[in-house]
Amino acid sequence: MKKIAIGIVLVIIISIGIFLLIQNMSQTEKLKVCPDKLIQNDMPSIMPITNSNYYLINGERKEIIDFDANWVKNNCTIKIEKEI
């Protein structure tokens, strides 16, 4: 009987922990800032490159995934520069 009660309590604690983790992850704010420019890296490479495109803000590289894509699309005019 005690083992069942302990098991139920553990399941509840784990469920609450998972819920809080998911809630925290979904509340992570994306950047709502207009980048100075979009760098499109079109350089050929032997190995496939992920994240070859990125934004620049004040000369610093910022990953596109960190931005709120809809906000940037609706609020910014971005200069595109190609790396060849």
Protein backbone atom coordinates (compact mmCIF):
# COMPACT_ATOMS: atom_id res chain seq x y z
CA MET A 1 0.00 0.00 0.00
CA LYS A 2 2.83 2.42 0.89
CA LYS A 3 4.63 1.56 -2.36
CA ILE A 4 1.54 2.48 -4.37
CA ALA A 5 1.18 5.80 -2.54
CA ILE A 6 4.86 6.61 -3.06
CA GLY A 7 4.52 5.72 -6.76
CA ILE A 8 1.50 7.99 -7.16
CA VAL A 9 3.31 10.87 -5.43
CA LEU A 10 6.35 10.39 -7.68
CA VAL A 11 4.19 10.40 -10.82
CA ILE A 12 2.50 13.62 -9.67
CA ILE A 13 5.83 15.31 -8.88
CA ILE A 14 7.33 14.29 -12.23
CA SER A 15 4.20 15.43 -14.10
CA ILE A 16 4.30 18.84 -12.40
CA GLY A 17 8.01 19.17 -13.21
CA ILE A 18 7.45 18.36 -16.88
CA PHE A 19 4.52 20.79 -17.06
CA LEU A 20 6.61 23.62 -15.54
CA LEU A 21 9.51 22.88 -17.89
CA ILE A 22 7.27 22.98 -20.97
CA GLN A 23 5.58 26.16 -19.76
CA ASN A 24 8.96 27.85 -19.20
CA MET A 25 10.22 26.81 -22.65
CA SER A 26 7.12 28.20 -24.38
CA GLN A 27 7.50 31.54 -22.60
CA THR A 28 11.04 32.09 -23.85
CA GLU A 29 10.83 35.40 -25.65
CA LYS A 30 12.13 35.74 -29.17
CA LEU A 31 13.87 38.99 -30.12
CA LYS A 32 11.60 41.72 -31.46
CA VAL A 33 14.28 43.93 -32.93
CA CYS A 34 14.99 44.96 -36.50
CA PRO A 35 18.32 43.54 -37.66
CA ASP A 36 20.65 45.76 -39.68
CA LYS A 37 20.97 43.17 -42.43
CA LEU A 38 20.50 39.53 -43.38
CA ILE A 39 23.62 37.69 -44.48
CA GLN A 40 22.89 34.88 -46.94
CA ASN A 41 25.88 32.57 -47.11
CA ASP A 42 25.80 31.04 -50.59
CA MET A 43 29.41 29.87 -50.54
CA PRO A 44 29.80 26.33 -51.86
CA SER A 45 31.02 23.77 -49.36
CA ILE A 46 31.91 20.10 -49.27
CA MET A 47 29.80 19.40 -46.18
CA PRO A 48 26.21 20.63 -45.79
CA ILE A 49 26.13 23.72 -43.60
CA THR A 50 23.29 24.44 -41.22
CA ASN A 51 22.57 27.97 -40.05
CA SER A 52 24.50 29.52 -42.92
CA ASN A 53 22.16 32.54 -42.98
CA TYR A 54 22.19 34.98 -40.08
CA TYR A 55 21.38 38.54 -39.06
CA LEU A 56 23.79 41.33 -38.19
CA ILE A 57 23.03 43.86 -35.46
CA ASN A 58 25.68 46.51 -34.81
CA GLY A 59 28.21 44.34 -36.61
CA GLU A 60 27.52 41.27 -34.44
CA ARG A 61 26.22 37.97 -35.78
CA LYS A 62 22.81 36.94 -34.40
CA GLU A 63 21.14 33.64 -35.25
CA ILE A 64 17.83 33.89 -37.13
CA ILE A 65 16.20 31.36 -34.81
CA ASP A 66 16.55 33.81 -31.91
CA PHE A 67 14.17 36.30 -33.58
CA ASP A 68 10.38 36.46 -33.70
CA ALA A 69 10.10 35.82 -37.46
CA ASN A 70 6.56 37.21 -37.80
CA TRP A 71 7.45 40.39 -35.91
CA VAL A 72 10.56 40.96 -38.06
CA LYS A 73 8.59 40.30 -41.27
CA ASN A 74 5.83 42.76 -40.33
CA ASN A 75 7.96 45.53 -38.80
CA CYS A 76 11.35 45.60 -40.50
CA THR A 77 12.92 46.39 -43.83
CA ILE A 78 16.09 44.35 -43.96
CA LYS A 79 19.01 44.81 -46.34
CA ILE A 80 20.14 41.44 -47.75
CA GLU A 81 23.82 40.81 -48.35
CA LYS A 82 25.08 37.67 -50.07
CA GLU A 83 28.34 35.96 -49.22
CA ILE A 84 29.61 34.20 -52.32
